[in-house]
Amino acid sequence: MAASSAMQSILASPLTRVTNRSRVNQFLVPTCFVPHLSRNATMRVRCLADDQEDQKEQLPTPTPTPPPPPPRAPKVSTKFSDVLAFSGPAPERINGRLAMIGFVSALAVELSNGQDVFTQISNGGIPWFLGTSILLSFASLIPLFKGVSVESKSDGVMTSNAELWNGRFAMLGLVALAFTEYVKGGTLI
């Protein structure tokens, strides 16, 4: 403590001056290359460590706040007009599911019987199409009317986004298959 007060008195005295002599400091760099900052002769250094410790002891410790409750899942509308709206959850999913079934069955019948899509439809495919459409539509709408969202049941590889993309590709594939067979005039395979 005595050494620090002696250094403070030396540094604080206006008679003490630092000369521009070339000296070597602790880093072995001449002081002429080190920037020189002028010092204020009236500056005093005080230690406030004791005052801060007293203030810390006087401050009350804050009570920990409980964590916020987890966010609730948004309420899914079960109104008929909301479920079947253009931007609703049902139309694209139902059309995608029907397209996936239709594309796979059209290719399977074409491979087994050698009939193109238009021949399959004209040879009794319409009742099969209507029955499948009604069955899959009701099977897709029942959970939506109960308030179950498709995103809540998706996990792993079988996600709701994967189903949407597979349905979109199946729709494109079914249209491409029918267009290619129409232009070619026969079966694709």
N, C-alpha and C. Protein backbone atom coordinates (compact mmCIF):
# COMPACT_ATOMS: atom_id res chain seq x y z
N MET A 1 0.81 -1.17 0.00
CA MET A 1 0.00 0.00 0.00
C MET A 1 0.87 1.25 0.00
N ALA A 2 1.97 1.21 0.71
CA ALA A 2 2.85 2.37 0.78
C ALA A 2 3.49 2.62 -0.57
N ALA A 3 3.80 1.55 -1.29
CA ALA A 3 4.43 1.71 -2.60
C ALA A 3 3.46 2.34 -3.59
N SER A 4 2.18 1.96 -3.54
CA SER A 4 1.22 2.54 -4.49
C SER A 4 0.96 4.01 -4.18
N SER A 5 0.93 4.38 -2.89
CA SER A 5 0.72 5.79 -2.57
C SER A 5 1.94 6.61 -2.96
N ALA A 6 3.14 6.02 -2.86
CA ALA A 6 4.36 6.74 -3.27
C ALA A 6 4.35 6.95 -4.78
N MET A 7 3.91 5.93 -5.54
CA MET A 7 3.83 6.07 -6.99
C MET A 7 2.79 7.11 -7.38
N GLN A 8 1.67 7.16 -6.65
CA GLN A 8 0.64 8.14 -6.96
C GLN A 8 1.14 9.55 -6.70
N SER A 9 1.90 9.72 -5.64
CA SER A 9 2.41 11.05 -5.35
C SER A 9 3.44 11.48 -6.38
N ILE A 10 4.23 10.53 -6.86
CA ILE A 10 5.22 10.88 -7.89
C ILE A 10 4.52 11.24 -9.19
N LEU A 11 3.52 10.42 -9.57
CA LEU A 11 2.82 10.68 -10.82
C LEU A 11 1.95 11.92 -10.74
N ALA A 12 1.42 12.24 -9.55
CA ALA A 12 0.53 13.38 -9.40
C ALA A 12 1.27 14.69 -9.26
N SER A 13 2.53 14.68 -8.95
CA SER A 13 3.25 15.92 -8.73
C SER A 13 3.52 16.60 -10.07
N PRO A 14 3.26 17.90 -10.16
CA PRO A 14 3.48 18.60 -11.43
C PRO A 14 4.96 18.78 -11.76
N LEU A 15 5.83 18.55 -10.82
CA LEU A 15 7.25 18.72 -11.08
C LEU A 15 7.85 17.52 -11.80
N THR A 16 7.19 16.38 -11.70
CA THR A 16 7.71 15.18 -12.34
C THR A 16 7.34 15.22 -13.81
N ARG A 17 8.32 15.08 -14.67
CA ARG A 17 8.07 15.08 -16.10
C ARG A 17 8.77 13.89 -16.73
N VAL A 18 8.17 13.41 -17.77
CA VAL A 18 8.77 12.31 -18.50
C VAL A 18 9.51 12.91 -19.67
N THR A 19 10.75 12.59 -19.79
CA THR A 19 11.55 13.15 -20.87
C THR A 19 11.45 12.26 -22.09
N ASN A 20 11.87 12.75 -23.21
CA ASN A 20 11.83 12.00 -24.46
C ASN A 20 13.12 11.24 -24.69
N ARG A 21 13.76 10.85 -23.61
CA ARG A 21 14.97 10.06 -23.78
C ARG A 21 14.61 8.70 -24.32
N SER A 22 15.47 8.13 -25.08
CA SER A 22 15.23 6.80 -25.62
C SER A 22 15.51 5.78 -24.53
N ARG A 23 14.44 5.29 -23.92
CA ARG A 23 14.57 4.29 -22.88
C ARG A 23 13.94 2.99 -23.37
N VAL A 24 14.25 1.93 -22.72
CA VAL A 24 13.67 0.64 -23.06
C VAL A 24 12.67 0.28 -21.97
N ASN A 25 11.46 -0.05 -22.40
CA ASN A 25 10.44 -0.42 -21.41
C ASN A 25 10.45 -1.92 -21.21
N GLN A 26 9.44 -2.44 -20.53
CA GLN A 26 9.41 -3.87 -20.21
C GLN A 26 9.25 -4.75 -21.44
N PHE A 27 8.76 -4.20 -22.56
CA PHE A 27 8.58 -5.00 -23.76
C PHE A 27 9.77 -4.90 -24.71
N LEU A 28 10.82 -4.26 -24.26
CA LEU A 28 12.05 -4.07 -25.02
C LEU A 28 11.81 -3.28 -26.31
N VAL A 29 10.89 -2.31 -26.24
CA VAL A 29 10.63 -1.42 -27.37
C VAL A 29 11.03 -0.02 -26.92
N PRO A 30 11.82 0.70 -27.70
CA PRO A 30 12.19 2.07 -27.28
C PRO A 30 10.95 2.93 -27.10
N THR A 31 10.98 3.82 -26.10
CA THR A 31 9.82 4.63 -25.79
C THR A 31 9.54 5.68 -26.85
N CYS A 32 10.48 5.95 -27.72
CA CYS A 32 10.18 6.91 -28.78
C CYS A 32 9.18 6.34 -29.78
N PHE A 33 9.04 5.01 -29.82
CA PHE A 33 8.06 4.38 -30.72
C PHE A 33 6.72 4.13 -30.05
N VAL A 34 6.67 4.32 -28.74
CA VAL A 34 5.45 4.11 -27.99
C VAL A 34 4.71 5.44 -27.88
N PRO A 35 3.40 5.49 -28.19
CA PRO A 35 2.69 6.77 -28.08
C PRO A 35 2.68 7.27 -26.65
N HIS A 36 2.87 8.57 -26.48
CA HIS A 36 2.95 9.18 -25.16
C HIS A 36 1.65 9.92 -24.88
N LEU A 37 1.03 9.61 -23.77
CA LEU A 37 -0.19 10.27 -23.35
C LEU A 37 0.15 11.22 -22.22
N SER A 38 -0.29 12.47 -22.35
CA SER A 38 -0.03 13.42 -21.26
C SER A 38 -0.92 13.08 -20.07
N ARG A 39 -0.41 13.34 -18.89
CA ARG A 39 -1.14 12.98 -17.68
C ARG A 39 -1.65 14.23 -16.99
N ASN A 40 -2.79 14.07 -16.37
CA ASN A 40 -3.37 15.16 -15.61
C ASN A 40 -2.76 15.14 -14.21
N ALA A 41 -2.17 16.25 -13.81
CA ALA A 41 -1.47 16.30 -12.52
C ALA A 41 -2.42 16.30 -11.34
N THR A 42 -3.68 16.63 -11.54
CA THR A 42 -4.62 16.69 -10.43
C THR A 42 -5.48 15.44 -10.32
N MET A 43 -5.19 14.44 -11.08
CA MET A 43 -6.01 13.22 -11.06
C MET A 43 -5.68 12.38 -9.82
N ARG A 44 -6.71 11.89 -9.17
CA ARG A 44 -6.53 11.04 -8.01
C ARG A 44 -7.22 9.71 -8.26
N VAL A 45 -6.64 8.65 -7.77
CA VAL A 45 -7.20 7.32 -7.91
C VAL A 45 -7.73 6.88 -6.56
N ARG A 46 -8.96 6.40 -6.54
CA ARG A 46 -9.57 5.93 -5.30
C ARG A 46 -10.09 4.52 -5.50
N CYS A 47 -10.07 3.80 -4.44
CA CYS A 47 -10.58 2.44 -4.47
C CYS A 47 -11.98 2.43 -3.87
N LEU A 48 -12.95 1.86 -4.62
CA LEU A 48 -14.34 1.83 -4.15
C LEU A 48 -14.81 0.40 -3.90
N ALA A 49 -13.92 -0.51 -3.73
CA ALA A 49 -14.30 -1.91 -3.58
C ALA A 49 -15.13 -2.15 -2.33
N ASP A 50 -14.79 -1.48 -1.23
CA ASP A 50 -15.53 -1.69 0.01
C ASP A 50 -16.96 -1.16 -0.10
N ASP A 51 -17.14 -0.02 -0.75
CA ASP A 51 -18.48 0.56 -0.89
C ASP A 51 -19.37 -0.34 -1.74
N GLN A 52 -18.84 -0.93 -2.80
CA GLN A 52 -19.64 -1.78 -3.68
C GLN A 52 -20.06 -3.06 -2.97
N GLU A 53 -19.20 -3.61 -2.13
CA GLU A 53 -19.56 -4.83 -1.41
C GLU A 53 -20.70 -4.55 -0.44
N ASP A 54 -20.69 -3.38 0.20
CA ASP A 54 -21.77 -3.03 1.11
C ASP A 54 -23.09 -2.87 0.35
N GLN A 55 -23.02 -2.29 -0.83
CA GLN A 55 -24.23 -2.10 -1.63
C GLN A 55 -24.79 -3.44 -2.10
N LYS A 56 -23.92 -4.37 -2.43
CA LYS A 56 -24.38 -5.69 -2.87
C LYS A 56 -25.11 -6.42 -1.75
N GLU A 57 -24.61 -6.25 -0.52
CA GLU A 57 -25.24 -6.92 0.60
C GLU A 57 -26.61 -6.30 0.91
N GLN A 58 -26.80 -5.02 0.64
CA GLN A 58 -28.04 -4.35 0.96
C GLN A 58 -29.13 -4.63 -0.08
N LEU A 59 -28.74 -4.93 -1.31
CA LEU A 59 -29.73 -5.17 -2.36
C LEU A 59 -30.45 -6.49 -2.11
N PRO A 60 -31.77 -6.49 -2.22
CA PRO A 60 -32.49 -7.75 -2.05
C PRO A 60 -32.28 -8.63 -3.28
N THR A 61 -32.21 -9.91 -3.05
CA THR A 61 -32.04 -10.83 -4.18
C THR A 61 -33.38 -11.00 -4.88
N PRO A 62 -33.39 -10.89 -6.18
CA PRO A 62 -34.67 -11.03 -6.89
C PRO A 62 -35.14 -12.48 -6.85
N THR A 63 -36.43 -12.64 -6.73
CA THR A 63 -36.99 -13.99 -6.74
C THR A 63 -37.06 -14.48 -8.18
N PRO A 64 -36.70 -15.71 -8.41
CA PRO A 64 -36.73 -16.20 -9.79
C PRO A 64 -38.17 -16.27 -10.30
N THR A 65 -38.34 -15.80 -11.52
CA THR A 65 -39.68 -15.84 -12.13
C THR A 65 -39.91 -17.23 -12.71
N PRO A 66 -41.10 -17.72 -12.61
CA PRO A 66 -41.37 -19.04 -13.18
C PRO A 66 -41.31 -18.97 -14.70
N PRO A 67 -40.91 -20.05 -15.34
CA PRO A 67 -40.82 -20.03 -16.80
C PRO A 67 -42.21 -19.87 -17.40
N PRO A 68 -42.27 -19.21 -18.56
CA PRO A 68 -43.59 -19.01 -19.16
C PRO A 68 -44.17 -20.35 -19.61
N PRO A 69 -45.48 -20.46 -19.62
CA PRO A 69 -46.09 -21.72 -20.04
C PRO A 69 -45.82 -21.96 -21.52
N PRO A 70 -45.79 -23.22 -21.94
CA PRO A 70 -45.53 -23.50 -23.35
C PRO A 70 -46.65 -22.92 -24.22
N PRO A 71 -46.30 -22.48 -25.44
CA PRO A 71 -47.33 -21.89 -26.28
C PRO A 71 -48.38 -22.93 -26.67
N ARG A 72 -49.60 -22.48 -26.69
CA ARG A 72 -50.69 -23.37 -27.06
C ARG A 72 -50.75 -23.54 -28.57
N ALA A 73 -51.19 -24.69 -28.98
CA ALA A 73 -51.36 -24.93 -30.41
C ALA A 73 -52.52 -24.08 -30.91
N PRO A 74 -52.37 -23.50 -32.11
CA PRO A 74 -53.47 -22.67 -32.59
C PRO A 74 -54.73 -23.51 -32.80
N LYS A 75 -55.83 -22.92 -32.49
CA LYS A 75 -57.11 -23.60 -32.63
C LYS A 75 -57.40 -23.81 -34.11
N VAL A 76 -57.72 -25.03 -34.47
CA VAL A 76 -58.03 -25.37 -35.84
C VAL A 76 -59.53 -25.24 -36.04
N SER A 77 -59.91 -24.53 -37.08
CA SER A 77 -61.33 -24.33 -37.35
C SER A 77 -61.91 -25.61 -37.94
N THR A 78 -63.08 -25.98 -37.49
CA THR A 78 -63.73 -27.18 -37.99
C THR A 78 -64.97 -26.84 -38.82
N LYS A 79 -65.12 -25.59 -39.18
CA LYS A 79 -66.25 -25.22 -40.02
C LYS A 79 -66.05 -25.77 -41.43
N PHE A 80 -67.14 -26.18 -42.05
CA PHE A 80 -67.09 -26.77 -43.38
C PHE A 80 -66.47 -25.81 -44.39
N SER A 81 -66.84 -24.53 -44.31
CA SER A 81 -66.32 -23.56 -45.27
C SER A 81 -64.84 -23.28 -45.06
N ASP A 82 -64.33 -23.41 -43.82
CA ASP A 82 -62.91 -23.20 -43.56
C ASP A 82 -62.08 -24.40 -43.97
N VAL A 83 -62.60 -25.60 -43.74
CA VAL A 83 -61.84 -26.80 -44.07
C VAL A 83 -61.72 -26.95 -45.59
N LEU A 84 -62.80 -26.65 -46.32
CA LEU A 84 -62.79 -26.81 -47.77
C LEU A 84 -62.51 -25.51 -48.51
N ALA A 85 -62.02 -24.48 -47.83
CA ALA A 85 -61.66 -23.23 -48.49
C ALA A 85 -60.47 -23.46 -49.41
N PHE A 86 -60.28 -22.53 -50.34
CA PHE A 86 -59.20 -22.68 -51.32
C PHE A 86 -57.84 -22.81 -50.63
N SER A 87 -57.62 -22.05 -49.55
CA SER A 87 -56.35 -22.14 -48.81
C SER A 87 -56.49 -23.03 -47.58
N GLY A 88 -57.56 -23.77 -47.48
CA GLY A 88 -57.78 -24.65 -46.33
C GLY A 88 -56.94 -25.91 -46.39
N PRO A 89 -57.03 -26.74 -45.35
CA PRO A 89 -56.20 -27.93 -45.29
C PRO A 89 -56.67 -29.08 -46.18
N ALA A 90 -57.92 -29.09 -46.61
CA ALA A 90 -58.46 -30.27 -47.28
C ALA A 90 -58.22 -30.36 -48.79
N PRO A 91 -58.46 -29.33 -49.58
CA PRO A 91 -58.47 -29.52 -51.04
C PRO A 91 -57.18 -30.08 -51.62
N GLU A 92 -56.05 -29.49 -51.29
CA GLU A 92 -54.81 -29.98 -51.91
C GLU A 92 -54.44 -31.37 -51.40
N ARG A 93 -54.71 -31.64 -50.14
CA ARG A 93 -54.40 -32.98 -49.60
C ARG A 93 -55.27 -34.04 -50.25
N ILE A 94 -56.55 -33.79 -50.36
CA ILE A 94 -57.44 -34.79 -50.96
C ILE A 94 -57.09 -35.00 -52.43
N ASN A 95 -56.87 -33.91 -53.18
CA ASN A 95 -56.48 -34.05 -54.58
C ASN A 95 -55.15 -34.76 -54.73
N GLY A 96 -54.21 -34.46 -53.83
CA GLY A 96 -52.91 -35.14 -53.89
C GLY A 96 -53.02 -36.62 -53.59
N ARG A 97 -53.83 -36.98 -52.59
CA ARG A 97 -54.02 -38.40 -52.25
C ARG A 97 -54.70 -39.14 -53.40
N LEU A 98 -55.70 -38.52 -53.99
CA LEU A 98 -56.36 -39.15 -55.14
C LEU A 98 -55.40 -39.29 -56.33
N ALA A 99 -54.56 -38.29 -56.54
CA ALA A 99 -53.60 -38.36 -57.64
C ALA A 99 -52.56 -39.44 -57.40
N MET A 100 -52.12 -39.61 -56.16
CA MET A 100 -51.15 -40.68 -55.86
C MET A 100 -51.76 -42.05 -56.14
N ILE A 101 -53.00 -42.26 -55.67
CA ILE A 101 -53.67 -43.54 -55.92
C ILE A 101 -53.91 -43.72 -57.42
N GLY A 102 -54.35 -42.66 -58.10
CA GLY A 102 -54.65 -42.76 -59.53
C GLY A 102 -53.42 -43.02 -60.37
N PHE A 103 -52.32 -42.36 -60.06
CA PHE A 103 -51.09 -42.55 -60.85
C PHE A 103 -50.56 -43.96 -60.71
N VAL A 104 -50.50 -44.45 -59.47
CA VAL A 104 -49.99 -45.80 -59.24
C VAL A 104 -50.91 -46.84 -59.86
N SER A 105 -52.23 -46.68 -59.71
CA SER A 105 -53.16 -47.67 -60.29
C SER A 105 -53.17 -47.61 -61.82
N ALA A 106 -53.04 -46.42 -62.40
CA ALA A 106 -52.99 -46.31 -63.87
C ALA A 106 -51.76 -47.01 -64.42
N LEU A 107 -50.61 -46.83 -63.75
CA LEU A 107 -49.40 -47.53 -64.22
C LEU A 107 -49.50 -49.03 -64.01
N ALA A 108 -50.11 -49.46 -62.90
CA ALA A 108 -50.23 -50.90 -62.63
C ALA A 108 -51.14 -51.57 -63.64
N VAL A 109 -52.27 -50.95 -63.96
CA VAL A 109 -53.18 -51.54 -64.96
C VAL A 109 -52.55 -51.51 -66.34
N GLU A 110 -51.82 -50.47 -66.65
CA GLU A 110 -51.14 -50.39 -67.95
C GLU A 110 -50.08 -51.48 -68.08
N LEU A 111 -49.35 -51.75 -67.01
CA LEU A 111 -48.35 -52.82 -67.06
C LEU A 111 -49.00 -54.20 -67.12
N SER A 112 -50.10 -54.40 -66.40
CA SER A 112 -50.71 -55.74 -66.37
C SER A 112 -51.57 -56.02 -67.59
N ASN A 113 -52.36 -55.07 -68.08
CA ASN A 113 -53.29 -55.31 -69.20
C ASN A 113 -52.84 -54.69 -70.51
N GLY A 114 -51.94 -53.72 -70.45
CA GLY A 114 -51.50 -53.05 -71.67
C GLY A 114 -52.49 -52.01 -72.15
N GLN A 115 -53.34 -51.46 -71.28
CA GLN A 115 -54.32 -50.45 -71.67
C GLN A 115 -53.83 -49.07 -71.26
N ASP A 116 -54.06 -48.08 -72.13
CA ASP A 116 -53.70 -46.72 -71.76
C ASP A 116 -54.76 -46.13 -70.83
N VAL A 117 -54.53 -44.91 -70.34
CA VAL A 117 -55.40 -44.29 -69.34
C VAL A 117 -56.81 -44.09 -69.89
N PHE A 118 -56.92 -43.63 -71.12
CA PHE A 118 -58.25 -43.35 -71.69
C PHE A 118 -59.05 -44.64 -71.89
N THR A 119 -58.39 -45.72 -72.24
CA THR A 119 -59.07 -47.01 -72.37
C THR A 119 -59.50 -47.52 -71.01
N GLN A 120 -58.68 -47.32 -70.01
CA GLN A 120 -59.03 -47.75 -68.65
C GLN A 120 -60.28 -47.01 -68.17
N ILE A 121 -60.37 -45.70 -68.44
CA ILE A 121 -61.53 -44.92 -68.01
C ILE A 121 -62.78 -45.36 -68.76
N SER A 122 -62.66 -45.60 -70.07
CA SER A 122 -63.84 -45.97 -70.87
C SER A 122 -64.29 -47.40 -70.63
N ASN A 123 -63.44 -48.28 -70.13
CA ASN A 123 -63.79 -49.68 -69.87
C ASN A 123 -64.16 -49.92 -68.41
N GLY A 124 -64.92 -49.04 -67.81
CA GLY A 124 -65.39 -49.27 -66.44
C GLY A 124 -64.56 -48.61 -65.38
N GLY A 125 -63.73 -47.64 -65.72
CA GLY A 125 -62.89 -46.96 -64.72
C GLY A 125 -63.61 -45.88 -63.96
N ILE A 126 -64.73 -45.38 -64.50
CA ILE A 126 -65.43 -44.27 -63.84
C ILE A 126 -66.03 -44.69 -62.50
N PRO A 127 -66.72 -45.85 -62.38
CA PRO A 127 -67.21 -46.23 -61.04
C PRO A 127 -66.09 -46.43 -60.03
N TRP A 128 -64.97 -46.99 -60.46
CA TRP A 128 -63.84 -47.15 -59.55
C TRP A 128 -63.30 -45.79 -59.12
N PHE A 129 -63.23 -44.87 -60.06
CA PHE A 129 -62.75 -43.52 -59.75
C PHE A 129 -63.68 -42.83 -58.76
N LEU A 130 -64.97 -42.88 -58.99
CA LEU A 130 -65.93 -42.23 -58.09
C LEU A 130 -65.93 -42.86 -56.70
N GLY A 131 -65.89 -44.18 -56.63
CA GLY A 131 -65.87 -44.87 -55.33
C GLY A 131 -64.62 -44.53 -54.53
N THR A 132 -63.48 -44.54 -55.20
CA THR A 132 -62.21 -44.21 -54.52
C THR A 132 -62.22 -42.76 -54.08
N SER A 133 -62.73 -41.88 -54.92
CA SER A 133 -62.75 -40.45 -54.58
C SER A 133 -63.62 -40.18 -53.36
N ILE A 134 -64.80 -40.79 -53.31
CA ILE A 134 -65.69 -40.58 -52.17
C ILE A 134 -65.09 -41.15 -50.89
N LEU A 135 -64.56 -42.37 -50.98
CA LEU A 135 -63.98 -43.01 -49.80
C LEU A 135 -62.79 -42.21 -49.24
N LEU A 136 -61.86 -41.81 -50.11
CA LEU A 136 -60.69 -41.06 -49.64
C LEU A 136 -61.06 -39.66 -49.17
N SER A 137 -62.04 -39.05 -49.78
CA SER A 137 -62.46 -37.71 -49.35
C SER A 137 -63.04 -37.75 -47.95
N PHE A 138 -63.94 -38.71 -47.70
CA PHE A 138 -64.50 -38.83 -46.35
C PHE A 138 -63.43 -39.21 -45.33
N ALA A 139 -62.53 -40.10 -45.71
CA ALA A 139 -61.47 -40.50 -44.78
C ALA A 139 -60.53 -39.34 -44.48
N SER A 140 -60.38 -38.41 -45.40
CA SER A 140 -59.53 -37.25 -45.16
C SER A 140 -60.24 -36.15 -44.40
N LEU A 141 -61.56 -36.04 -44.56
CA LEU A 141 -62.30 -34.95 -43.93
C LEU A 141 -62.67 -35.23 -42.47
N ILE A 142 -62.88 -36.49 -42.11
CA ILE A 142 -63.33 -36.81 -40.75
C ILE A 142 -62.36 -36.29 -39.69
N PRO A 143 -61.03 -36.55 -39.80
CA PRO A 143 -60.13 -36.00 -38.77
C PRO A 143 -60.11 -34.47 -38.77
N LEU A 144 -60.23 -33.84 -39.94
CA LEU A 144 -60.21 -32.38 -40.00
C LEU A 144 -61.43 -31.78 -39.32
N PHE A 145 -62.59 -32.43 -39.45
CA PHE A 145 -63.78 -31.93 -38.77
C PHE A 145 -63.73 -32.17 -37.27
N LYS A 146 -62.91 -33.09 -36.81
CA LYS A 146 -62.73 -33.32 -35.37
C LYS A 146 -61.70 -32.36 -34.77
N GLY A 147 -61.03 -31.57 -35.61
CA GLY A 147 -60.06 -30.59 -35.11
C GLY A 147 -58.63 -31.09 -35.08
N VAL A 148 -58.37 -32.24 -35.66
CA VAL A 148 -57.01 -32.78 -35.68
C VAL A 148 -56.29 -32.19 -36.89
N SER A 149 -55.15 -31.54 -36.64
CA SER A 149 -54.39 -30.97 -37.75
C SER A 149 -53.46 -32.02 -38.33
N VAL A 150 -53.17 -31.87 -39.61
CA VAL A 150 -52.31 -32.83 -40.29
C VAL A 150 -50.88 -32.71 -39.77
N GLU A 151 -50.46 -31.49 -39.42
CA GLU A 151 -49.10 -31.28 -38.95
C GLU A 151 -48.84 -31.96 -37.62
N SER A 152 -49.89 -32.14 -36.81
CA SER A 152 -49.69 -32.76 -35.50
C SER A 152 -49.42 -34.25 -35.60
N LYS A 153 -49.81 -34.87 -36.69
CA LYS A 153 -49.62 -36.31 -36.84
C LYS A 153 -48.42 -36.66 -37.71
N SER A 154 -47.62 -35.68 -38.10
CA SER A 154 -46.48 -35.96 -38.97
C SER A 154 -45.20 -36.05 -38.16
N ASP A 155 -44.42 -37.09 -38.41
CA ASP A 155 -43.13 -37.25 -37.75
C ASP A 155 -42.23 -38.12 -38.61
N GLY A 156 -40.94 -37.96 -38.42
CA GLY A 156 -39.98 -38.77 -39.17
C GLY A 156 -39.97 -38.41 -40.65
N VAL A 157 -39.97 -39.43 -41.48
CA VAL A 157 -39.93 -39.23 -42.93
C VAL A 157 -41.31 -38.87 -43.46
N MET A 158 -42.34 -39.41 -42.85
CA MET A 158 -43.72 -39.18 -43.31
C MET A 158 -44.27 -37.88 -42.72
N THR A 159 -43.82 -36.75 -43.23
CA THR A 159 -44.30 -35.46 -42.75
C THR A 159 -45.43 -34.95 -43.64
N SER A 160 -46.10 -33.94 -43.17
CA SER A 160 -47.21 -33.36 -43.95
C SER A 160 -46.69 -32.67 -45.20
N ASN A 161 -45.50 -32.07 -45.12
CA ASN A 161 -44.93 -31.44 -46.31
C ASN A 161 -44.53 -32.48 -47.35
N ALA A 162 -44.03 -33.63 -46.92
CA ALA A 162 -43.68 -34.69 -47.87
C ALA A 162 -44.92 -35.20 -48.58
N GLU A 163 -46.03 -35.30 -47.85
CA GLU A 163 -47.27 -35.74 -48.47
C GLU A 163 -47.76 -34.74 -49.51
N LEU A 164 -47.63 -33.45 -49.19
CA LEU A 164 -48.03 -32.43 -50.16
C LEU A 164 -47.19 -32.50 -51.42
N TRP A 165 -45.89 -32.62 -51.26
CA TRP A 165 -45.00 -32.67 -52.43
C TRP A 165 -45.22 -33.96 -53.23
N ASN A 166 -45.41 -35.08 -52.56
CA ASN A 166 -45.70 -36.32 -53.29
C ASN A 166 -47.01 -36.21 -54.06
N GLY A 167 -48.02 -35.58 -53.45
CA GLY A 167 -49.29 -35.37 -54.14
C GLY A 167 -49.14 -34.46 -55.35
N ARG A 168 -48.34 -33.42 -55.22
CA ARG A 168 -48.12 -32.51 -56.35
C ARG A 168 -47.42 -33.23 -57.49
N PHE A 169 -46.41 -34.02 -57.17
CA PHE A 169 -45.70 -34.76 -58.22
C PHE A 169 -46.61 -35.81 -58.86
N ALA A 170 -47.48 -36.42 -58.06
CA ALA A 170 -48.41 -37.41 -58.61
C ALA A 170 -49.42 -36.75 -59.54
N MET A 171 -49.87 -35.54 -59.19
CA MET A 171 -50.78 -34.81 -60.09
C MET A 171 -50.09 -34.51 -61.41
N LEU A 172 -48.86 -34.02 -61.33
CA LEU A 172 -48.11 -33.75 -62.56
C LEU A 172 -47.85 -35.03 -63.34
N GLY A 173 -47.54 -36.12 -62.65
CA GLY A 173 -47.27 -37.39 -63.31
C GLY A 173 -48.49 -37.95 -64.01
N LEU A 174 -49.64 -37.83 -63.38
CA LEU A 174 -50.87 -38.33 -64.00
C LEU A 174 -51.23 -37.53 -65.25
N VAL A 175 -51.10 -36.21 -65.18
CA VAL A 175 -51.36 -35.37 -66.35
C VAL A 175 -50.34 -35.65 -67.44
N ALA A 176 -49.07 -35.80 -67.09
CA ALA A 176 -48.03 -36.09 -68.08
C ALA A 176 -48.25 -37.46 -68.72
N LEU A 177 -48.68 -38.44 -67.91
CA LEU A 177 -48.95 -39.78 -68.45
C LEU A 177 -50.09 -39.73 -69.46
N ALA A 178 -51.19 -39.05 -69.11
CA ALA A 178 -52.33 -38.95 -70.02
C ALA A 178 -51.96 -38.17 -71.27
N PHE A 179 -51.21 -37.08 -71.13
CA PHE A 179 -50.82 -36.27 -72.29
C PHE A 179 -49.87 -37.04 -73.21
N THR A 180 -48.91 -37.75 -72.62
CA THR A 180 -47.95 -38.52 -73.43
C THR A 180 -48.66 -39.63 -74.17
N GLU A 181 -49.60 -40.33 -73.54
CA GLU A 181 -50.33 -41.40 -74.21
C GLU A 181 -51.23 -40.85 -75.28
N TYR A 182 -51.80 -39.66 -75.08
CA TYR A 182 -52.64 -39.05 -76.10
C TYR A 182 -51.82 -38.65 -77.33
N VAL A 183 -50.68 -38.04 -77.11
CA VAL A 183 -49.81 -37.63 -78.23
C VAL A 183 -49.23 -38.84 -78.92
N LYS A 184 -48.82 -39.83 -78.18
CA LYS A 184 -48.21 -41.04 -78.76
C LYS A 184 -49.27 -41.92 -79.44
N GLY A 185 -50.50 -41.88 -78.95
CA GLY A 185 -51.56 -42.69 -79.53
C GLY A 185 -51.60 -44.10 -78.99
N GLY A 186 -50.97 -44.38 -77.92
CA GLY A 186 -50.97 -45.72 -77.34
C GLY A 186 -50.41 -45.68 -75.94
N THR A 187 -50.07 -46.87 -75.41
CA THR A 187 -49.55 -46.96 -74.05
C THR A 187 -48.15 -46.42 -73.96
N LEU A 188 -47.80 -45.97 -72.78
CA LEU A 188 -46.46 -45.42 -72.56
C LEU A 188 -45.43 -46.53 -72.55
N ILE A 189 -45.75 -47.65 -71.92
CA ILE A 189 -44.78 -48.73 -71.77
C ILE A 189 -45.07 -49.84 -72.73
